[in-house]
Amino acid sequence: MLWTILIVLLVLWLLGVIGGIAGNLIHLLLVIALIVLIVRLVQGRSR
């Protein structure tokens, strides 16, 4: 589920960069998704 969300956000971010649509919201969501991914990876390794 997390990977699906990350891929969707990455595609939307790329569309935003190329087309200029959606702007800062997509960048913010991408940063949040990357932070969540890093936290999940760190927690998974510690268990």
Protein backbone atom coordinates (compact mmCIF):
# COMPACT_ATOMS: atom_id res chain seq x y z
CA MET A 1 0.00 0.00 0.00
CA LEU A 2 2.79 2.41 0.92
CA TRP A 3 4.64 1.68 -2.33
CA THR A 4 1.47 2.38 -4.34
CA ILE A 5 0.99 5.75 -2.64
CA LEU A 6 4.66 6.60 -3.16
CA ILE A 7 4.50 5.74 -6.88
CA VAL A 8 1.30 7.75 -7.39
CA LEU A 9 2.80 10.77 -5.61
CA LEU A 10 5.99 10.47 -7.65
CA VAL A 11 4.02 10.43 -10.92
CA LEU A 12 1.92 13.42 -9.81
CA TRP A 13 5.08 15.25 -8.78
CA LEU A 14 6.68 14.63 -12.18
CA LEU A 15 3.51 15.88 -13.90
CA GLY A 16 3.61 18.96 -11.70
CA VAL A 17 7.24 19.63 -12.57
CA ILE A 18 6.65 19.16 -16.28
CA GLY A 19 3.28 20.89 -16.60
CA GLY A 20 3.37 23.34 -13.72
CA ILE A 21 0.06 22.05 -12.38
CA ALA A 22 -0.66 21.46 -8.68
CA GLY A 23 2.54 23.26 -7.59
CA ASN A 24 3.70 23.21 -3.99
CA LEU A 25 1.07 20.76 -2.73
CA ILE A 26 2.54 17.88 -4.74
CA HIS A 27 6.06 18.72 -3.57
CA LEU A 28 4.86 18.77 0.04
CA LEU A 29 3.06 15.42 -0.36
CA LEU A 30 6.15 13.87 -1.95
CA VAL A 31 8.35 15.01 0.93
CA ILE A 32 5.85 13.62 3.45
CA ALA A 33 5.71 10.30 1.56
CA LEU A 34 9.51 10.04 1.53
CA ILE A 35 9.69 10.77 5.26
CA VAL A 36 7.07 8.08 5.96
CA LEU A 37 8.97 5.62 3.75
CA ILE A 38 12.25 6.27 5.56
CA VAL A 39 10.58 5.90 8.96
CA ARG A 40 8.98 2.59 7.89
CA LEU A 41 12.31 1.25 6.59
CA VAL A 42 14.12 2.19 9.79
CA GLN A 43 11.41 0.66 11.97
CA GLY A 44 11.40 -2.51 9.85
CA ARG A 45 15.14 -3.02 10.27
CA SER A 46 15.05 -2.50 14.04
CA ARG A 47 12.42 -5.20 14.58
